[in-house]
Amino acid sequence: MLRVNGLKKAYGNLVAVAGVSFDVEKGETVGLLGPNGAGKTTTVSMIAGLIAPDAGEVLIDGIPVSGDTNPVKRRIGLVPQDLALYDELPAQANLELFGALYGISGAHAARVIDEALALVGLKDRAKDRVGTFSGGMKRRLNLAAALLHDPDVLLLDEPTVGVDPQSRNAIFDNLETLKKRGKTLVYTTHYMEEAERLCDRLVIVDHGQVIANDTLAGLYRSIPAANKLVIDLVAGLDVAGVRSVAGVQSAELNGQQLSVWLKDLSEGAAGVLAWLSEGGHRFHHLATEAPTLETVFLTMTGRSLRDS
C-alpha cells in the first residue's frame, strides 16, 4: 500500500534524510523509530507530500505522490505532532471545517463526523469548545480529523505526546480498530512500549538512514546477546570459566552476583547451570531478563530513543 523509495532531504549542509526506503503492506502497522533529529518527522512530511524530497519517491498503491494537487494524496491521513485544532470552536465545528477542506459536506459530513467522534470516544462532547478539552481529548480529536475522508494510509507523528494514560489507551484502542478495518498505519513514537504493543514491524532510522527494518522478534534475534541470566551465588568464582561455556556471549561478576548474556536462553542457560553444578558452585537464586526494544535500540544506535 505504501512504498518509500530512496527519500533524501537536505537543508544546506544539514542532511536530514539520506536515502530512506521501506514498504508497508495493507493493514500493517509499521513503527518509525529513531532518536531526536534522526529524520523521522521529515520523512513523514515527505510521505504526506508536505515537503518535496530532493530525491526518491513515495507511492501509494503503486501511484507516485507528487505535486500539490495529486488526487492520490486524498488516500493519506496525517495526525501531526503539533495539534491542528481551533480551541475557540466546538469539536463538531472543527471537524466540519476539516471535512470541508476535503470537499465533504451535507449529510455525508454529518455521518462521517458522527462516526469519527464515536470512534475516539468524544461523541458526547461534540458541542463543547475544544479549549475546554484535556490534552488527551485534543489528541483524540486530532485523530478524528485525520479520518474524515476515510484514508487508506494513516501517518501518525507521535500522537500520544503529553497525554494521560487513559487517553493513551483510548488512542491505542482506536488504532487497533482502524487496523482491523484494513488501514495502513505508519507510527512514530518515543515510547518503546507503544511500538511493542502496536507495531507489526519496526523501521529504525539514525542520522537520516534506515539501520534496521524487521519484526520485533527479528530485531531481538539480531542483537549479539538477547537474553540475560542473573545468578546469586553462595561464593565467588572465576568468571573466565563461565565465558568459555558454549552459547555465552559475555559474563561479569559483581560481588557474588553473576550476570551472563546469552544468544539463546533455552540452550545457553542449561550449559551455564551444568557448568556451575559440575564445578560445585552453589547458588540460591536465579532470574532471567527478556530482551527489550530499548536494548535493541541502544545496541544499534548507541543512544536511547529519547536522546537528542
Foldseek 3Di string as FASTA:
>chain_A
DKWWFQFWAADVPQTQAGTETDDFDFLFEEEEFEEPSLNPLVSLCCQLVVDPTPDTFMDDVNHTDDDPPPPLSLQEFELDPDQDFDQAAFLQVRLQVLCVVVVDDDPLSVVLLCVLCVLLVNNVRRRPGNVVDDPLVSLSSSVSSRPSSPHQEYEYEASCPPHDPVSVVSVLSSVVVVSVVRHTYYYYHQDQVSCLPRHQWYFYGGSNYTQDIGGPVVLLLPDPFFKKKKFQWPADDDVVVLCPFPQWPDWDDDGRIIITTGSDCVPSVVRSVVVCVVVVTGTDDMDMDGGGVQNSVCRRPVDGSHHD
